[in-house]
Amino acid sequence: MALGLRSLILKSDWNSAQYLKFGDQRTIPVRDLLAKVPLTAPKRVIDLGCGPGNSTALLKERYPNAQITGMDSSTEMLEKARKTLPDLNFIQADLESYQLEQPADLLFSNAVFHWLPTQQRVPIMQRLLEKQAPGGVLAIQVPDNADEPSHSMMRETAQQGPWKTELEKRKPALSRFPTPHKLYDALKPLCSSVDIWKTNYFHVLENHRAIVEWVKGTGLRPFLDPLPNHQQERFLQLYHEKLQRAYAPLKDGKVMLRYPRLFVVAVRA
């Protein structure tokens, strides 16, 4: 099956068009997280890692009178967000070094914290909560799919080609997120409540190539970005072949991508 491999090769920065190919599906968890935020009229909201603005738009829709700021480290993503939401404020910053100038009623984060170095994830959550006023909310959602075939096949492919040494040196695989138990124990001393849950989403996609397209905008980037173009092509060929064996087609020929996600809503004491 032809995969159109040259069209799948990544750029070094985030690609908003690639990310938004599955914008509707990617936005469902944003709605689910926002539905559990226990605030009716926050004055100040910050979207941490706003990406192309799909999550920021929902925040604006729910809280039209709030001062909403989108923050992201990607120039390309911010350009898209500013074009989509020209009346909102967007800033470029890195979550690892980002400092709150003043408390926000809501710190909202969709699919960002899992990109942080493993040892920094919980400390950054704690640092943000420490700066919050009583009643301030930190609400995050992250993929929790390290053991899904879509991601285990990335690691397997990384071990089976001429790129093995380079990728082992860079260690691109995203590590597992802290368990709900660890998250609760770390955040509860700062909070009046910590609500944690996990949801499995089942996305019906056209074919196995669509799975490649989905993860190309996110999880595949650390594996492909270090490689020259010809190795990216071969990596994608092998990865696609593995997906065909891992995901059985549905009766209508489509495939089902299971996508677990972890949610946390913490309220500052």
Protein backbone atom coordinates (compact mmCIF):
# COMPACT_ATOMS: atom_id res chain seq x y z
CA MET A 1 0.00 0.00 0.00
CA ALA A 2 1.42 3.38 -1.00
CA LEU A 3 1.80 5.64 2.00
CA GLY A 4 2.81 8.93 0.39
CA LEU A 5 5.83 8.91 2.66
CA ARG A 6 7.47 12.12 1.51
CA SER A 7 4.35 14.04 2.53
CA LEU A 8 4.72 12.64 6.05
CA ILE A 9 8.19 14.04 6.80
CA LEU A 10 8.16 16.48 9.67
CA LYS A 11 9.48 19.97 10.20
CA SER A 12 11.43 20.94 13.28
CA ASP A 13 8.70 23.20 14.70
CA TRP A 14 5.17 22.11 15.53
CA ASN A 15 2.86 22.01 12.52
CA SER A 16 -0.57 23.43 13.28
CA ALA A 17 -2.09 22.20 10.00
CA GLN A 18 -0.93 18.66 10.74
CA TYR A 19 -2.19 18.86 14.31
CA LEU A 20 -5.61 20.16 13.22
CA LYS A 21 -6.18 17.39 10.67
CA PHE A 22 -7.82 15.64 13.60
CA GLY A 23 -8.89 18.82 15.35
CA ASP A 24 -12.41 17.67 16.18
CA GLN A 25 -11.21 14.46 17.84
CA ARG A 26 -8.36 16.22 19.65
CA THR A 27 -10.79 18.80 21.05
CA ILE A 28 -13.19 16.29 22.65
CA PRO A 29 -10.93 15.81 25.72
CA VAL A 30 -10.68 19.59 26.05
CA ARG A 31 -14.45 19.77 26.40
CA ASP A 32 -14.44 16.90 28.88
CA LEU A 33 -11.78 18.57 31.03
CA LEU A 34 -13.46 21.95 30.90
CA ALA A 35 -16.77 20.41 31.97
CA LYS A 36 -15.20 19.38 35.28
CA VAL A 37 -13.68 22.79 36.12
CA PRO A 38 -15.61 24.07 39.18
CA LEU A 39 -15.58 27.75 38.18
CA THR A 40 -18.50 29.74 36.85
CA ALA A 41 -17.02 33.21 36.34
CA PRO A 42 -13.20 33.29 36.53
CA LYS A 43 -11.60 36.67 35.93
CA ARG A 44 -8.23 35.48 34.67
CA VAL A 45 -7.58 32.31 32.66
CA ILE A 46 -4.30 31.06 31.19
CA ASP A 47 -4.17 28.31 28.58
CA LEU A 48 -0.79 26.65 29.16
CA GLY A 49 0.40 25.16 25.89
CA CYS A 50 -2.47 26.57 23.85
CA GLY A 51 -1.25 25.13 20.54
CA PRO A 52 -3.23 26.43 17.55
CA GLY A 53 -5.92 27.85 19.84
CA ASN A 54 -8.52 25.07 19.74
CA SER A 55 -8.53 24.82 23.54
CA THR A 56 -8.36 28.61 23.94
CA ALA A 57 -11.47 29.01 21.78
CA LEU A 58 -13.44 26.73 24.10
CA LEU A 59 -12.24 28.67 27.13
CA LYS A 60 -13.43 31.88 25.50
CA GLU A 61 -16.77 30.26 24.68
CA ARG A 62 -17.35 29.17 28.26
CA TYR A 63 -15.91 32.28 29.94
CA PRO A 64 -16.65 35.19 27.57
CA ASN A 65 -16.01 37.82 30.25
CA ALA A 66 -12.68 36.45 31.44
CA GLN A 67 -9.25 37.80 30.59
CA ILE A 68 -7.85 34.85 28.66
CA THR A 69 -4.20 34.40 27.72
CA GLY A 70 -2.81 31.62 25.56
CA MET A 71 0.80 30.53 26.11
CA ASP A 72 2.89 28.24 23.94
CA SER A 73 6.54 27.69 23.04
CA SER A 74 5.89 27.15 19.30
CA THR A 75 6.04 30.15 16.98
CA GLU A 76 4.04 28.34 14.31
CA MET A 77 1.29 27.31 16.71
CA LEU A 78 1.01 30.83 18.10
CA GLU A 79 0.74 32.33 14.61
CA LYS A 80 -2.23 30.07 13.93
CA ALA A 81 -3.83 30.86 17.31
CA ARG A 82 -3.47 34.62 16.80
CA LYS A 83 -5.07 34.41 13.35
CA THR A 84 -7.94 32.34 14.72
CA LEU A 85 -8.50 34.43 17.86
CA PRO A 86 -7.19 37.93 17.10
CA ASP A 87 -8.96 39.52 20.07
CA LEU A 88 -7.13 37.37 22.64
CA ASN A 89 -3.65 37.74 24.08
CA PHE A 90 -1.00 35.12 23.26
CA ILE A 91 2.52 34.90 24.60
CA GLN A 92 5.50 32.73 23.75
CA ALA A 93 7.03 30.95 26.71
CA ASP A 94 8.37 27.59 27.81
CA LEU A 95 6.41 25.82 30.54
CA GLU A 96 9.63 24.65 32.20
CA SER A 97 10.67 28.24 32.96
CA TYR A 98 7.30 30.00 32.91
CA GLN A 99 6.55 32.06 36.00
CA LEU A 100 3.13 33.37 36.95
CA GLU A 101 3.30 37.14 37.36
CA GLN A 102 0.06 37.03 39.33
CA PRO A 103 -2.40 34.29 40.33
CA ALA A 104 -4.92 33.12 37.77
CA ASP A 105 -8.35 31.77 38.60
CA LEU A 106 -7.79 28.96 36.10
CA LEU A 107 -4.61 27.40 34.74
CA PHE A 108 -5.75 25.13 31.92
CA SER A 109 -3.49 22.71 30.07
CA ASN A 110 -4.42 20.35 27.25
CA ALA A 111 -1.88 17.67 26.23
CA VAL A 112 1.27 19.48 27.36
CA PHE A 113 2.66 18.16 30.65
CA HIS A 114 3.69 14.79 29.18
CA TRP A 115 6.19 16.63 26.97
CA LEU A 116 8.08 17.89 30.01
CA PRO A 117 11.09 15.96 31.31
CA THR A 118 9.88 13.19 33.60
CA GLN A 119 11.42 14.60 36.76
CA GLN A 120 9.93 18.06 36.17
CA ARG A 121 6.26 17.23 35.62
CA VAL A 122 5.05 17.09 39.22
CA PRO A 123 7.36 19.86 40.51
CA ILE A 124 6.06 22.25 37.85
CA MET A 125 2.47 21.43 38.81
CA GLN A 126 3.36 22.12 42.43
CA ARG A 127 5.13 25.37 41.54
CA LEU A 128 2.13 26.61 39.60
CA LEU A 129 -0.28 25.69 42.39
CA GLU A 130 1.89 27.40 44.99
CA LYS A 131 1.45 30.68 43.08
CA GLN A 132 -2.32 30.30 42.92
CA ALA A 133 -4.69 32.10 45.28
CA PRO A 134 -7.10 29.98 47.36
CA GLY A 135 -9.76 28.56 45.06
CA GLY A 136 -7.56 28.79 42.00
CA VAL A 137 -7.75 25.77 39.71
CA LEU A 138 -5.12 23.80 37.83
CA ALA A 139 -6.78 21.60 35.20
CA ILE A 140 -4.68 19.36 32.96
CA GLN A 141 -5.17 16.55 30.46
CA VAL A 142 -2.42 14.36 29.04
CA PRO A 143 -2.32 11.31 26.76
CA ASP A 144 -1.72 8.14 28.77
CA ASN A 145 -0.97 5.85 25.87
CA ALA A 146 2.67 4.80 26.28
CA ASP A 147 1.62 1.13 26.18
CA GLU A 148 -0.76 1.41 23.23
CA PRO A 149 0.38 -0.21 19.94
CA SER A 150 0.52 3.21 18.28
CA HIS A 151 3.33 4.14 20.67
CA SER A 152 4.97 0.83 21.48
CA MET A 153 5.42 0.34 17.71
CA MET A 154 7.36 3.64 17.59
CA ARG A 155 9.82 2.34 20.17
CA GLU A 156 10.04 -1.03 18.43
CA THR A 157 10.73 0.59 15.07
CA ALA A 158 13.39 2.77 16.67
CA GLN A 159 15.28 -0.39 17.66
CA GLN A 160 15.21 -2.00 14.21
CA GLY A 161 17.00 0.25 11.76
CA PRO A 162 20.16 2.21 11.00
CA TRP A 163 18.80 4.99 13.19
CA LYS A 164 19.04 2.87 16.36
CA THR A 165 22.24 4.42 17.69
CA GLU A 166 21.11 7.98 17.03
CA LEU A 167 17.72 7.50 18.65
CA GLU A 168 19.14 5.66 21.65
CA LYS A 169 21.46 8.61 22.19
CA ARG A 170 18.53 11.03 22.09
CA LYS A 171 16.09 8.79 24.02
CA PRO A 172 12.99 10.14 22.22
CA ALA A 173 10.34 7.87 23.76
CA LEU A 174 8.00 9.73 26.09
CA SER A 175 8.04 8.16 29.53
CA ARG A 176 4.94 7.09 31.41
CA PHE A 177 3.13 9.79 33.30
CA PRO A 178 3.05 9.68 37.13
CA THR A 179 0.32 7.42 38.49
CA PRO A 180 -2.89 8.89 39.94
CA HIS A 181 -1.66 7.79 43.38
CA LYS A 182 1.59 9.77 43.02
CA LEU A 183 -0.19 12.78 41.58
CA TYR A 184 -2.70 12.87 44.43
CA ASP A 185 -0.05 12.54 47.12
CA ALA A 186 2.05 15.30 45.55
CA LEU A 187 -0.75 17.80 44.95
CA LYS A 188 -3.15 17.25 47.85
CA PRO A 189 -1.01 19.08 50.48
CA LEU A 190 -1.51 22.24 48.39
CA CYS A 191 -5.15 21.67 47.52
CA SER A 192 -8.61 21.48 48.99
CA SER A 193 -9.51 18.87 46.37
CA VAL A 194 -7.76 16.82 43.69
CA ASP A 195 -9.98 15.07 41.14
CA ILE A 196 -8.26 12.51 38.88
CA TRP A 197 -9.76 10.27 36.24
CA LYS A 198 -8.89 8.40 33.06
CA THR A 199 -10.91 8.04 29.87
CA ASN A 200 -10.40 5.75 26.89
CA TYR A 201 -11.36 7.40 23.60
CA PHE A 202 -11.99 5.22 20.55
CA HIS A 203 -11.32 7.11 17.34
CA VAL A 204 -12.53 5.49 14.12
CA LEU A 205 -10.06 6.41 11.37
CA GLU A 206 -10.10 5.72 7.64
CA ASN A 207 -7.09 3.38 7.57
CA HIS A 208 -3.68 2.67 9.07
CA ARG A 209 -2.18 5.61 7.24
CA ALA A 210 -4.55 7.83 9.22
CA ILE A 211 -2.99 6.55 12.44
CA VAL A 212 0.40 7.61 11.07
CA GLU A 213 -1.04 11.01 10.21
CA TRP A 214 -2.48 11.35 13.71
CA VAL A 215 0.73 10.62 15.60
CA LYS A 216 2.91 12.40 13.05
CA GLY A 217 1.72 15.67 14.53
CA THR A 218 2.66 14.64 18.08
CA GLY A 219 4.23 11.39 19.30
CA LEU A 220 6.28 10.59 16.19
CA ARG A 221 8.08 13.93 16.17
CA PRO A 222 10.86 12.97 18.62
CA PHE A 223 11.60 9.87 16.56
CA LEU A 224 11.61 11.50 13.12
CA ASP A 225 13.02 14.96 13.74
CA PRO A 226 16.61 13.74 14.41
CA LEU A 227 16.73 11.67 11.20
CA PRO A 228 17.66 12.65 7.64
CA ASN A 229 14.81 12.54 5.14
CA HIS A 230 15.66 9.17 3.62
CA GLN A 231 15.71 7.54 7.05
CA GLN A 232 12.43 9.22 7.97
CA GLU A 233 10.87 7.59 4.91
CA ARG A 234 12.11 4.14 5.86
CA PHE A 235 11.14 4.59 9.51
CA LEU A 236 7.59 5.45 8.46
CA GLN A 237 7.41 2.44 6.13
CA LEU A 238 8.38 0.04 8.91
CA TYR A 239 6.12 1.75 11.43
CA HIS A 240 3.16 1.62 9.05
CA GLU A 241 3.72 -2.10 8.44
CA LYS A 242 3.69 -2.74 12.18
CA LEU A 243 0.45 -0.79 12.60
CA GLN A 244 -1.20 -2.92 9.92
CA ARG A 245 -0.45 -6.01 12.00
CA ALA A 246 -1.38 -4.41 15.32
CA TYR A 247 -4.76 -2.90 14.38
CA ALA A 248 -7.28 -5.25 12.80
CA PRO A 249 -9.59 -3.55 10.29
CA LEU A 250 -13.23 -3.06 11.19
CA LYS A 251 -15.91 -4.59 8.98
CA ASP A 252 -16.17 -1.40 6.94
CA GLY A 253 -12.41 -1.33 6.37
CA LYS A 254 -11.68 1.45 8.84
CA VAL A 255 -9.53 1.08 11.95
CA MET A 256 -10.14 1.96 15.59
CA LEU A 257 -7.48 3.87 17.51
CA ARG A 258 -7.83 3.53 21.28
CA TYR A 259 -6.49 6.65 22.97
CA PRO A 260 -6.36 6.73 26.80
CA ARG A 261 -6.10 10.13 28.48
CA LEU A 262 -5.49 11.16 32.08
CA PHE A 263 -7.23 14.17 33.68
CA VAL A 264 -6.46 16.18 36.82
CA VAL A 265 -8.46 19.04 38.33
CA ALA A 266 -6.80 20.46 41.45
CA VAL A 267 -8.24 23.32 43.55
CA ARG A 268 -5.80 25.40 45.60
CA ALA A 269 -6.46 25.34 49.34
